[in-house]
Each structure stands twice: as structure tokens, then as C-alpha cells.
Amino acid sequence: MEEKFCLSTDTCCDELKSTLKKNRIDFIKMCYISDGEIYEDNFDTLEEYKYFYDEMKKGKMFSTTGLNPYQLKEFFTEILERNKKDLIHVSLSSGLSGTCSVAKSVAEEINQTSKYKIYVLDSLSATQGQNALLCYARMLREQGKTAEEAMEILEQATKKLRVEFFLGDLETLKRGGRISGAQAVMAKVMQLRPILRFDSEGKLQVIGKVVGSKKAIKTLFDNFIKNYDPNSTIPFFIPYTYDLADAEELKKMIEEKLGAANIIFGPIGPVIGSHTGPSLCGLIYMSKNERI
């Protein structure tokens, strides 16, 4: 079936770059900063992700920077000229970064004179949540939907995309000034695991705190069983940072409950990981209800 639009994203989707290329998804590289040096997120092996978190565990600090209009204009223009089709760009949440609003502004400017149009989808999430929407967009592209038709479907799906995770180490939040040293120490002593999710505006919302990773995994699982849409064709995504053990435990619980399930493990890259730290596990799926 003829494909009527092309796809792009930023690398906060945290898919391997070779996989994006294989799936004909253009990407613009986000950047992270360490010791005053700017590095592009060009990770394409699991070993690169692991090395990044090894360095973080040793005490190295990272920060991030957004995309500017010049970068995005060059990126979008080249894609339109090469493909001669409308474009859907799946962006990092506007609730986390100004990158999405910059992308929308640049798209509006280009659309005023271009025969082919750019549609910017605010994922209202990040990392593997963003990747889940890319997965859906690719399915719609293969079905022969127009960009306009696909955007309408994707915007509705975004409202029901549930992205939840827990943090097992708050040291990075302390270093970044997001919590106090006393709070970090107390959390470590008590083994507190904050549970977070993306709300309807794409902002992070703390929905609970539990003691220990086992309880946190069980909380993610219980929320999933109550809320997931059994009719959705989108895979379940389990994002993780450093250690697969929690992710594997969560997958096991889902499979014991549902039987065989389409579950995808996905690493969290350096841009989001710079803020969350090296100990995160989550669960992403289509919910029966819209986000609140």
C-alpha cells in the first residue's frame, strides 16, 4: 500500500538509531552535557547505554540542552525535499522541554510556503512512551493513512497512553537540586521508591511512594491490570536504565497474568537519564481511559 507520509522524531524516543533507520524514521539528535562538553545522543548499542550509567554511578554529572529553531528548520526542510510527502514528527513532551513548542513554531513557518506539510505530535511523554507512539505512527503509515488522518488517530491515542515508572535512586535528583540532601538520605534509608507518571499536560506527577523495589514493581503491575486496554494493538513497553532485573520481574508478572504478550524492553537514553538517574523501571501501555 502506498505510504502517504513520512516520519521523524528526536532521539529522546530512545530507540536504537540503526532501528530507526531500518524503519525509515528520520531523527534529530538531542544533546547532553558533561564537564562542559556537549555530546550528541547517537547511542546504538546497549553497551553504550550501560557505559553512560556506569559513569553516572561513579559520580559523573550530566545536564541537557534543547533543540534550536535553526537545527529544526534544516532538519524538516531536508526531509520534505527528499521525500516529497507530508511529515509527522513525534516530539518529546512539551511538559518537559521547550523543544516541542520550537518544533511546532518552525513547522508553522515552513507550512506557510511548502507544498508538503509538517504535523508535530506532542507525545506528552518521553523515551519509550514516545517510541510507543512512533510504533503506532508507523503502523498507520503502512496502512496508507494520510498524515491528517494519522494525526487525528495519534492525538487521541496520546491522551490514553499511560506512562508510569519508579525511581530506585534519588542521588541524581539531589545533585541536580531537585530534592534536598536530607530528602535523598531519608529516601535511601527507608528505601523509598517514588512512583511517577505523565499527566494530561505531559508533565511528571508523583502518584505515590512505596518502600522497596518489589512493592514498586507490584504497584506498576496492579495499575496496569486495572487500566490497560485489552483491545489495543500497541505493544507494552518496559523502559529501564541500568539493570534489567526489575524489568524482567515486571515482564514475568504480566506474562503470568495474561499469557503471551507483546512486551518490548527499551533502554532510557542519556537525555532523560541525566535527570532520572541510573535506577528506573517503568511500564507503558494504552489505557482504557484518558490521562488526568
C-alpha atoms as a PDB file:
ATOM      1  CA  MET A   1       0.000   0.000   0.000  1.00  0.00           C
ATOM      2  CA  GLU A   2       1.284   3.441  -0.883  1.00  0.00           C
ATOM      3  CA  GLU A   3       2.642   5.387   2.067  1.00  0.00           C
ATOM      4  CA  LYS A   4       1.304   8.924   2.144  1.00  0.00           C
ATOM      5  CA  PHE A   5       3.533  10.487   4.797  1.00  0.00           C
ATOM      6  CA  CYS A   6       6.986  10.157   6.278  1.00  0.00           C
ATOM      7  CA  LEU A   7       8.035  10.036   9.917  1.00  0.00           C
ATOM      8  CA  SER A   8      10.587  11.751  12.107  1.00  0.00           C
ATOM      9  CA  THR A   9      11.369  12.164  15.784  1.00  0.00           C
ATOM     10  CA  ASP A  10      14.018  13.389  18.197  1.00  0.00           C
ATOM     11  CA  THR A  11      16.334  10.928  19.883  1.00  0.00           C
ATOM     12  CA  CYS A  12      14.511  11.191  23.206  1.00  0.00           C
ATOM     13  CA  CYS A  13      12.432   8.330  21.777  1.00  0.00           C
ATOM     14  CA  ASP A  14      15.402   6.151  22.868  1.00  0.00           C
ATOM     15  CA  GLU A  15      15.156   3.678  20.019  1.00  0.00           C
ATOM     16  CA  LEU A  16      18.424   2.322  18.647  1.00  0.00           C
ATOM     17  CA  LYS A  17      19.494   4.556  15.780  1.00  0.00           C
ATOM     18  CA  SER A  18      20.003   1.603  13.428  1.00  0.00           C
ATOM     19  CA  THR A  19      16.417   0.507  14.119  1.00  0.00           C
ATOM     20  CA  LEU A  20      15.093   3.984  13.336  1.00  0.00           C
ATOM     21  CA  LYS A  21      16.987   3.937  10.051  1.00  0.00           C
ATOM     22  CA  LYS A  22      15.704   0.453   9.249  1.00  0.00           C
ATOM     23  CA  ASN A  23      12.136   1.634   9.886  1.00  0.00           C
ATOM     24  CA  ARG A  24      12.684   4.758   7.734  1.00  0.00           C
ATOM     25  CA  ILE A  25      12.217   7.179  10.608  1.00  0.00           C
ATOM     26  CA  ASP A  26      14.379  10.286  10.387  1.00  0.00           C
ATOM     27  CA  PHE A  27      15.747  11.561  13.694  1.00  0.00           C
ATOM     28  CA  ILE A  28      17.343  14.693  15.040  1.00  0.00           C
ATOM     29  CA  LYS A  29      19.916  14.145  17.767  1.00  0.00           C
ATOM     30  CA  MET A  30      19.350  15.606  21.199  1.00  0.00           C
ATOM     31  CA  CYS A  31      22.408  16.500  23.271  1.00  0.00           C
ATOM     32  CA  TYR A  32      23.692  16.056  26.796  1.00  0.00           C
ATOM     33  CA  ILE A  33      26.495  17.882  28.578  1.00  0.00           C
ATOM     34  CA  SER A  34      29.300  16.616  30.800  1.00  0.00           C
ATOM     35  CA  ASP A  35      32.306  18.563  32.120  1.00  0.00           C
ATOM     36  CA  GLY A  36      31.454  21.446  29.796  1.00  0.00           C
ATOM     37  CA  GLU A  37      31.495  19.236  26.684  1.00  0.00           C
ATOM     38  CA  ILE A  38      28.386  18.732  24.537  1.00  0.00           C
ATOM     39  CA  TYR A  39      27.703  15.202  23.284  1.00  0.00           C
ATOM     40  CA  GLU A  40      25.118  14.041  20.763  1.00  0.00           C
ATOM     41  CA  ASP A  41      22.834  11.169  21.689  1.00  0.00           C
ATOM     42  CA  ASN A  42      23.959   8.764  18.997  1.00  0.00           C
ATOM     43  CA  PHE A  43      23.677   5.590  21.081  1.00  0.00           C
ATOM     44  CA  ASP A  44      23.143   2.465  19.011  1.00  0.00           C
ATOM     45  CA  THR A  45      24.142  -0.405  21.309  1.00  0.00           C
ATOM     46  CA  LEU A  46      23.032  -1.470  24.766  1.00  0.00           C
ATOM     47  CA  GLU A  47      26.685  -1.292  25.816  1.00  0.00           C
ATOM     48  CA  GLU A  48      26.677   2.485  25.203  1.00  0.00           C
ATOM     49  CA  TYR A  49      23.670   2.937  27.483  1.00  0.00           C
ATOM     50  CA  LYS A  50      25.295   0.803  30.172  1.00  0.00           C
ATOM     51  CA  TYR A  51      28.554   2.763  29.966  1.00  0.00           C
ATOM     52  CA  PHE A  52      26.658   6.022  30.424  1.00  0.00           C
ATOM     53  CA  TYR A  53      25.058   4.763  33.656  1.00  0.00           C
ATOM     54  CA  ASP A  54      28.347   3.241  34.839  1.00  0.00           C
ATOM     55  CA  GLU A  55      29.840   6.736  34.592  1.00  0.00           C
ATOM     56  CA  MET A  56      26.863   8.209  36.438  1.00  0.00           C
ATOM     57  CA  LYS A  57      27.217   5.661  39.234  1.00  0.00           C
ATOM     58  CA  LYS A  58      30.850   6.733  39.591  1.00  0.00           C
ATOM     59  CA  GLY A  59      29.657  10.277  40.281  1.00  0.00           C
ATOM     60  CA  LYS A  60      29.792  11.932  36.878  1.00  0.00           C
ATOM     61  CA  MET A  61      27.120  14.596  36.445  1.00  0.00           C
ATOM     62  CA  PHE A  62      25.209  15.299  33.266  1.00  0.00           C
ATOM     63  CA  SER A  63      22.879  18.039  32.068  1.00  0.00           C
ATOM     64  CA  THR A  64      20.945  18.565  28.841  1.00  0.00           C
ATOM     65  CA  THR A  65      20.112  21.159  26.235  1.00  0.00           C
ATOM     66  CA  GLY A  66      17.186  21.552  23.841  1.00  0.00           C
ATOM     67  CA  LEU A  67      16.995  21.972  20.079  1.00  0.00           C
ATOM     68  CA  ASN A  68      17.013  25.406  18.463  1.00  0.00           C
ATOM     69  CA  PRO A  69      14.903  26.691  15.528  1.00  0.00           C
ATOM     70  CA  TYR A  70      17.820  26.682  13.092  1.00  0.00           C
ATOM     71  CA  GLN A  71      18.522  22.978  13.711  1.00  0.00           C
ATOM     72  CA  LEU A  72      14.884  22.009  13.315  1.00  0.00           C
ATOM     73  CA  LYS A  73      14.342  24.108  10.187  1.00  0.00           C
ATOM     74  CA  GLU A  74      17.293  22.444   8.461  1.00  0.00           C
ATOM     75  CA  PHE A  75      16.106  19.024   9.613  1.00  0.00           C
ATOM     76  CA  PHE A  76      12.492  19.435   8.460  1.00  0.00           C
ATOM     77  CA  THR A  77      13.368  21.099   5.151  1.00  0.00           C
ATOM     78  CA  GLU A  78      15.768  18.335   4.140  1.00  0.00           C
ATOM     79  CA  ILE A  79      13.178  15.633   4.906  1.00  0.00           C
ATOM     80  CA  LEU A  80      10.451  17.330   2.859  1.00  0.00           C
ATOM     81  CA  GLU A  81      12.761  17.900  -0.112  1.00  0.00           C
ATOM     82  CA  ARG A  82      13.967  14.297  -0.053  1.00  0.00           C
ATOM     83  CA  ASN A  83      10.631  12.528   0.459  1.00  0.00           C
ATOM     84  CA  LYS A  84       8.175  14.919  -1.219  1.00  0.00           C
ATOM     85  CA  LYS A  85       5.481  13.864   1.247  1.00  0.00           C
ATOM     86  CA  ASP A  86       3.814  15.274   4.335  1.00  0.00           C
ATOM     87  CA  LEU A  87       5.698  14.664   7.556  1.00  0.00           C
ATOM     88  CA  ILE A  88       4.614  13.620  11.051  1.00  0.00           C
ATOM     89  CA  HIS A  89       7.204  14.488  13.688  1.00  0.00           C
ATOM     90  CA  VAL A  90       6.821  12.835  17.110  1.00  0.00           C
ATOM     91  CA  SER A  91       8.315  15.125  19.739  1.00  0.00           C
ATOM     92  CA  LEU A  92       9.476  14.943  23.329  1.00  0.00           C
ATOM     93  CA  SER A  93       6.765  16.162  25.717  1.00  0.00           C
ATOM     94  CA  SER A  94       6.082  19.894  25.876  1.00  0.00           C
ATOM     95  CA  GLY A  95       5.692  19.341  29.613  1.00  0.00           C
ATOM     96  CA  LEU A  96       9.403  18.530  29.923  1.00  0.00           C
ATOM     97  CA  SER A  97      11.111  20.714  27.352  1.00  0.00           C
ATOM     98  CA  GLY A  98      10.641  23.679  25.059  1.00  0.00           C
ATOM     99  CA  THR A  99      11.766  21.545  22.102  1.00  0.00           C
ATOM    100  CA  CYS A 100       8.194  20.639  21.116  1.00  0.00           C
ATOM    101  CA  SER A 101       6.996  24.251  21.002  1.00  0.00           C
ATOM    102  CA  VAL A 102      10.063  25.205  18.927  1.00  0.00           C
ATOM    103  CA  ALA A 103       9.294  22.325  16.526  1.00  0.00           C
ATOM    104  CA  LYS A 104       5.675  23.486  16.187  1.00  0.00           C
ATOM    105  CA  SER A 105       6.743  27.078  15.547  1.00  0.00           C
ATOM    106  CA  VAL A 106       9.233  26.027  12.857  1.00  0.00           C
ATOM    107  CA  ALA A 107       6.632  23.710  11.271  1.00  0.00           C
ATOM    108  CA  GLU A 108       4.092  26.542  11.095  1.00  0.00           C
ATOM    109  CA  GLU A 109       6.649  28.760   9.374  1.00  0.00           C
ATOM    110  CA  ILE A 110       7.542  26.103   6.787  1.00  0.00           C
ATOM    111  CA  ASN A 111       3.889  25.171   6.206  1.00  0.00           C
ATOM    112  CA  GLN A 112       3.100  28.696   5.052  1.00  0.00           C
ATOM    113  CA  THR A 113       5.041  28.193   1.826  1.00  0.00           C
ATOM    114  CA  SER A 114       5.596  24.435   1.474  1.00  0.00           C
ATOM    115  CA  LYS A 115       3.506  22.135  -0.708  1.00  0.00           C
ATOM    116  CA  TYR A 116       4.116  19.354   1.822  1.00  0.00           C
ATOM    117  CA  LYS A 117       3.012  19.902   5.398  1.00  0.00           C
ATOM    118  CA  ILE A 118       4.624  19.136   8.749  1.00  0.00           C
ATOM    119  CA  TYR A 119       2.489  17.850  11.623  1.00  0.00           C
ATOM    120  CA  VAL A 120       4.135  17.911  15.064  1.00  0.00           C
ATOM    121  CA  LEU A 121       2.752  15.397  17.552  1.00  0.00           C
ATOM    122  CA  ASP A 122       3.364  16.307  21.194  1.00  0.00           C
ATOM    123  CA  SER A 123       3.954  12.871  22.710  1.00  0.00           C
ATOM    124  CA  LEU A 124       3.142  14.229  26.192  1.00  0.00           C
ATOM    125  CA  SER A 125       5.757  11.729  27.300  1.00  0.00           C
ATOM    126  CA  ALA A 126       9.358  10.771  26.610  1.00  0.00           C
ATOM    127  CA  THR A 127      11.699   7.867  25.980  1.00  0.00           C
ATOM    128  CA  GLN A 128       9.787   4.603  25.365  1.00  0.00           C
ATOM    129  CA  GLY A 129       6.420   6.386  25.617  1.00  0.00           C
ATOM    130  CA  GLN A 130       7.492   8.487  22.677  1.00  0.00           C
ATOM    131  CA  ASN A 131       8.688   5.280  20.997  1.00  0.00           C
ATOM    132  CA  ALA A 132       5.285   3.623  21.522  1.00  0.00           C
ATOM    133  CA  LEU A 133       3.618   6.450  19.589  1.00  0.00           C
ATOM    134  CA  LEU A 134       6.227   6.131  16.849  1.00  0.00           C
ATOM    135  CA  CYS A 135       5.371   2.439  16.656  1.00  0.00           C
ATOM    136  CA  TYR A 136       1.695   3.324  16.220  1.00  0.00           C
ATOM    137  CA  ALA A 137       2.501   6.032  13.655  1.00  0.00           C
ATOM    138  CA  ARG A 138       4.499   3.519  11.628  1.00  0.00           C
ATOM    139  CA  MET A 139       1.534   1.137  11.617  1.00  0.00           C
ATOM    140  CA  LEU A 140      -0.742   3.924  10.369  1.00  0.00           C
ATOM    141  CA  ARG A 141       1.778   4.830   7.670  1.00  0.00           C
ATOM    142  CA  GLU A 142       1.810   1.219   6.479  1.00  0.00           C
ATOM    143  CA  GLN A 143      -1.997   1.191   6.393  1.00  0.00           C
ATOM    144  CA  GLY A 144      -1.939   4.023   3.853  1.00  0.00           C
ATOM    145  CA  LYS A 145      -3.414   6.713   6.114  1.00  0.00           C
ATOM    146  CA  THR A 146      -2.827  10.326   5.187  1.00  0.00           C
ATOM    147  CA  ALA A 147      -0.838  12.468   7.601  1.00  0.00           C
ATOM    148  CA  GLU A 148      -4.010  14.303   8.590  1.00  0.00           C
ATOM    149  CA  GLU A 149      -5.880  11.041   9.269  1.00  0.00           C
ATOM    150  CA  ALA A 150      -2.955   9.583  11.199  1.00  0.00           C
ATOM    151  CA  MET A 151      -2.547  12.727  13.315  1.00  0.00           C
ATOM    152  CA  GLU A 152      -6.169  12.602  14.404  1.00  0.00           C
ATOM    153  CA  ILE A 153      -5.761   8.979  15.497  1.00  0.00           C
ATOM    154  CA  LEU A 154      -2.397   9.622  17.178  1.00  0.00           C
ATOM    155  CA  GLU A 155      -3.640  12.633  19.128  1.00  0.00           C
ATOM    156  CA  GLN A 156      -6.453  10.531  20.571  1.00  0.00           C
ATOM    157  CA  ALA A 157      -4.026   7.696  21.351  1.00  0.00           C
ATOM    158  CA  THR A 158      -1.668  10.101  23.110  1.00  0.00           C
ATOM    159  CA  LYS A 159      -4.421  11.011  25.562  1.00  0.00           C
ATOM    160  CA  LYS A 160      -4.728   7.344  26.550  1.00  0.00           C
ATOM    161  CA  LEU A 161      -1.043   6.473  26.600  1.00  0.00           C
ATOM    162  CA  ARG A 162      -0.188   5.609  30.193  1.00  0.00           C
ATOM    163  CA  VAL A 163       3.446   6.088  31.184  1.00  0.00           C
ATOM    164  CA  GLU A 164       4.352   5.128  34.754  1.00  0.00           C
ATOM    165  CA  PHE A 165       7.704   4.427  36.387  1.00  0.00           C
ATOM    166  CA  PHE A 166       9.553   4.367  39.686  1.00  0.00           C
ATOM    167  CA  LEU A 167      12.959   5.627  40.747  1.00  0.00           C
ATOM    168  CA  GLY A 168      15.227   3.469  42.853  1.00  0.00           C
ATOM    169  CA  ASP A 169      17.978   6.025  43.448  1.00  0.00           C
ATOM    170  CA  LEU A 170      17.388   9.702  44.188  1.00  0.00           C
ATOM    171  CA  GLU A 171      21.057  10.733  44.221  1.00  0.00           C
ATOM    172  CA  THR A 172      20.815  12.268  40.730  1.00  0.00           C
ATOM    173  CA  LEU A 173      17.789  14.324  41.752  1.00  0.00           C
ATOM    174  CA  LYS A 174      19.771  15.563  44.749  1.00  0.00           C
ATOM    175  CA  ARG A 175      22.791  16.512  42.622  1.00  0.00           C
ATOM    176  CA  GLY A 176      20.519  18.366  40.216  1.00  0.00           C
ATOM    177  CA  GLY A 177      18.960  20.327  43.081  1.00  0.00           C
ATOM    178  CA  ARG A 178      15.511  18.809  42.606  1.00  0.00           C
ATOM    179  CA  ILE A 179      15.404  17.405  46.142  1.00  0.00           C
ATOM    180  CA  SER A 180      17.423  18.238  49.241  1.00  0.00           C
ATOM    181  CA  GLY A 181      20.286  16.186  50.602  1.00  0.00           C
ATOM    182  CA  ALA A 182      18.208  15.353  53.673  1.00  0.00           C
ATOM    183  CA  GLN A 183      15.357  14.072  51.498  1.00  0.00           C
ATOM    184  CA  ALA A 184      17.755  11.895  49.498  1.00  0.00           C
ATOM    185  CA  VAL A 185      19.301  10.419  52.649  1.00  0.00           C
ATOM    186  CA  MET A 186      15.886   9.720  54.170  1.00  0.00           C
ATOM    187  CA  ALA A 187      14.711   8.066  50.948  1.00  0.00           C
ATOM    188  CA  LYS A 188      17.816   5.870  50.871  1.00  0.00           C
ATOM    189  CA  VAL A 189      17.496   4.819  54.499  1.00  0.00           C
ATOM    190  CA  MET A 190      13.812   3.984  54.119  1.00  0.00           C
ATOM    191  CA  GLN A 191      14.246   2.537  50.593  1.00  0.00           C
ATOM    192  CA  LEU A 192      11.503   4.837  49.337  1.00  0.00           C
ATOM    193  CA  ARG A 193      10.527   4.425  45.701  1.00  0.00           C
ATOM    194  CA  PRO A 194       8.529   7.347  44.269  1.00  0.00           C
ATOM    195  CA  ILE A 195       6.004   6.309  41.592  1.00  0.00           C
ATOM    196  CA  LEU A 196       5.561   8.866  38.801  1.00  0.00           C
ATOM    197  CA  ARG A 197       3.501   9.226  35.652  1.00  0.00           C
ATOM    198  CA  PHE A 198       2.967  11.707  32.839  1.00  0.00           C
ATOM    199  CA  ASP A 199      -0.258  13.661  33.280  1.00  0.00           C
ATOM    200  CA  SER A 200      -2.595  15.087  30.615  1.00  0.00           C
ATOM    201  CA  GLU A 201      -0.240  18.042  30.041  1.00  0.00           C
ATOM    202  CA  GLY A 202       2.816  15.845  29.623  1.00  0.00           C
ATOM    203  CA  LYS A 203       4.222  16.862  32.984  1.00  0.00           C
ATOM    204  CA  LEU A 204       5.557  14.480  35.602  1.00  0.00           C
ATOM    205  CA  GLN A 205       3.288  13.793  38.537  1.00  0.00           C
ATOM    206  CA  VAL A 206       4.205  11.855  41.692  1.00  0.00           C
ATOM    207  CA  ILE A 207       1.318   9.444  42.316  1.00  0.00           C
ATOM    208  CA  GLY A 208       2.726   7.590  45.300  1.00  0.00           C
ATOM    209  CA  LYS A 209       5.695   6.448  47.346  1.00  0.00           C
ATOM    210  CA  VAL A 210       6.288   2.851  48.372  1.00  0.00           C
ATOM    211  CA  VAL A 211       9.006   1.022  50.272  1.00  0.00           C
ATOM    212  CA  GLY A 212      11.319  -1.160  48.187  1.00  0.00           C
ATOM    213  CA  SER A 213      11.538  -2.082  44.530  1.00  0.00           C
ATOM    214  CA  LYS A 214       9.368  -5.195  44.855  1.00  0.00           C
ATOM    215  CA  LYS A 215       6.476  -3.107  46.120  1.00  0.00           C
ATOM    216  CA  ALA A 216       7.097  -0.552  43.362  1.00  0.00           C
ATOM    217  CA  ILE A 217       7.008  -3.247  40.667  1.00  0.00           C
ATOM    218  CA  LYS A 218       3.798  -4.637  42.159  1.00  0.00           C
ATOM    219  CA  THR A 219       2.260  -1.135  42.124  1.00  0.00           C
ATOM    220  CA  LEU A 220       3.067  -0.685  38.419  1.00  0.00           C
ATOM    221  CA  PHE A 221       1.621  -4.118  37.710  1.00  0.00           C
ATOM    222  CA  ASP A 222      -1.579  -3.525  39.709  1.00  0.00           C
ATOM    223  CA  ASN A 223      -2.160  -0.191  37.973  1.00  0.00           C
ATOM    224  CA  PHE A 224      -1.609  -1.896  34.635  1.00  0.00           C
ATOM    225  CA  ILE A 225      -4.135  -4.670  35.285  1.00  0.00           C
ATOM    226  CA  LYS A 226      -6.763  -2.103  36.298  1.00  0.00           C
ATOM    227  CA  ASN A 227      -6.185   0.245  33.392  1.00  0.00           C
ATOM    228  CA  TYR A 228      -4.790  -1.404  30.256  1.00  0.00           C
ATOM    229  CA  ASP A 229      -6.879  -1.652  27.098  1.00  0.00           C
ATOM    230  CA  PRO A 230      -7.029  -5.319  26.046  1.00  0.00           C
ATOM    231  CA  ASN A 231      -8.110  -4.323  22.541  1.00  0.00           C
ATOM    232  CA  SER A 232      -5.071  -2.182  21.794  1.00  0.00           C
ATOM    233  CA  THR A 233      -2.626  -3.418  19.153  1.00  0.00           C
ATOM    234  CA  ILE A 234       0.251  -1.354  20.560  1.00  0.00           C
ATOM    235  CA  PRO A 235       2.924  -3.393  22.393  1.00  0.00           C
ATOM    236  CA  PHE A 236       3.604  -2.934  26.095  1.00  0.00           C
ATOM    237  CA  PHE A 237       6.909  -1.125  26.635  1.00  0.00           C
ATOM    238  CA  ILE A 238       9.085  -1.598  29.719  1.00  0.00           C
ATOM    239  CA  PRO A 239      11.687   1.199  29.969  1.00  0.00           C
ATOM    240  CA  TYR A 240      14.745   0.700  32.147  1.00  0.00           C
ATOM    241  CA  THR A 241      18.043   2.424  32.856  1.00  0.00           C
ATOM    242  CA  TYR A 242      20.859   0.291  34.271  1.00  0.00           C
ATOM    243  CA  ASP A 243      19.642  -3.079  35.433  1.00  0.00           C
ATOM    244  CA  LEU A 244      17.235  -5.411  33.655  1.00  0.00           C
ATOM    245  CA  ALA A 245      16.303  -7.350  36.812  1.00  0.00           C
ATOM    246  CA  ASP A 246      13.308  -5.165  37.734  1.00  0.00           C
ATOM    247  CA  ALA A 247      12.167  -5.051  34.104  1.00  0.00           C
ATOM    248  CA  GLU A 248      12.357  -8.823  33.818  1.00  0.00           C
ATOM    249  CA  GLU A 249      10.388  -9.260  37.048  1.00  0.00           C
ATOM    250  CA  LEU A 250       7.665  -6.954  35.744  1.00  0.00           C
ATOM    251  CA  LYS A 251       7.523  -8.816  32.429  1.00  0.00           C
ATOM    252  CA  LYS A 252       7.220 -12.124  34.262  1.00  0.00           C
ATOM    253  CA  MET A 253       4.263 -10.850  36.296  1.00  0.00           C
ATOM    254  CA  ILE A 254       2.459  -9.655  33.148  1.00  0.00           C
ATOM    255  CA  GLU A 255       3.028 -12.944  31.327  1.00  0.00           C
ATOM    256  CA  GLU A 256       1.853 -14.971  34.314  1.00  0.00           C
ATOM    257  CA  LYS A 257      -1.369 -12.968  34.319  1.00  0.00           C
ATOM    258  CA  LEU A 258      -2.027 -12.561  30.588  1.00  0.00           C
ATOM    259  CA  GLY A 259      -0.063 -15.378  28.977  1.00  0.00           C
ATOM    260  CA  ALA A 260       1.972 -14.493  25.909  1.00  0.00           C
ATOM    261  CA  ALA A 261       2.133 -10.716  25.487  1.00  0.00           C
ATOM    262  CA  ASN A 262       3.896  -8.356  23.120  1.00  0.00           C
ATOM    263  CA  ILE A 263       6.355  -6.757  25.554  1.00  0.00           C
ATOM    264  CA  ILE A 264       9.300  -4.645  24.442  1.00  0.00           C
ATOM    265  CA  PHE A 265      12.220  -3.757  26.713  1.00  0.00           C
ATOM    266  CA  GLY A 266      13.616  -0.323  25.919  1.00  0.00           C
ATOM    267  CA  PRO A 267      16.616   1.475  27.411  1.00  0.00           C
ATOM    268  CA  ILE A 268      16.339   5.047  28.642  1.00  0.00           C
ATOM    269  CA  GLY A 269      18.908   7.247  26.960  1.00  0.00           C
ATOM    270  CA  PRO A 270      21.270   9.937  28.199  1.00  0.00           C
ATOM    271  CA  VAL A 271      18.949  12.942  27.833  1.00  0.00           C
ATOM    272  CA  ILE A 272      16.197  11.634  30.097  1.00  0.00           C
ATOM    273  CA  GLY A 273      18.621   9.551  32.166  1.00  0.00           C
ATOM    274  CA  SER A 274      20.621  12.673  33.008  1.00  0.00           C
ATOM    275  CA  HIS A 275      17.645  13.779  35.102  1.00  0.00           C
ATOM    276  CA  THR A 276      16.240  10.474  36.429  1.00  0.00           C
ATOM    277  CA  GLY A 277      19.452   8.721  37.440  1.00  0.00           C
ATOM    278  CA  PRO A 278      20.591   5.125  36.913  1.00  0.00           C
ATOM    279  CA  SER A 279      17.783   3.267  38.663  1.00  0.00           C
ATOM    280  CA  LEU A 280      14.432   3.448  36.875  1.00  0.00           C
ATOM    281  CA  CYS A 281      11.880   0.907  35.730  1.00  0.00           C
ATOM    282  CA  GLY A 282       8.531   1.660  34.122  1.00  0.00           C
ATOM    283  CA  LEU A 283       5.567   0.371  32.180  1.00  0.00           C
ATOM    284  CA  ILE A 284       3.909   1.972  29.153  1.00  0.00           C
ATOM    285  CA  TYR A 285       0.639   0.891  27.556  1.00  0.00           C
ATOM    286  CA  MET A 286      -2.625   2.074  26.068  1.00  0.00           C
ATOM    287  CA  SER A 287      -5.204   2.667  28.790  1.00  0.00           C
ATOM    288  CA  LYS A 288      -8.979   2.353  28.649  1.00  0.00           C
ATOM    289  CA  ASN A 289      -9.262   5.896  29.972  1.00  0.00           C
ATOM    290  CA  GLU A 290      -7.712   9.252  29.158  1.00  0.00           C
ATOM    291  CA  ARG A 291      -4.953  10.698  31.318  1.00  0.00           C
ATOM    292  CA  ILE A 292      -5.831  13.101  34.084  1.00  0.00           C
END
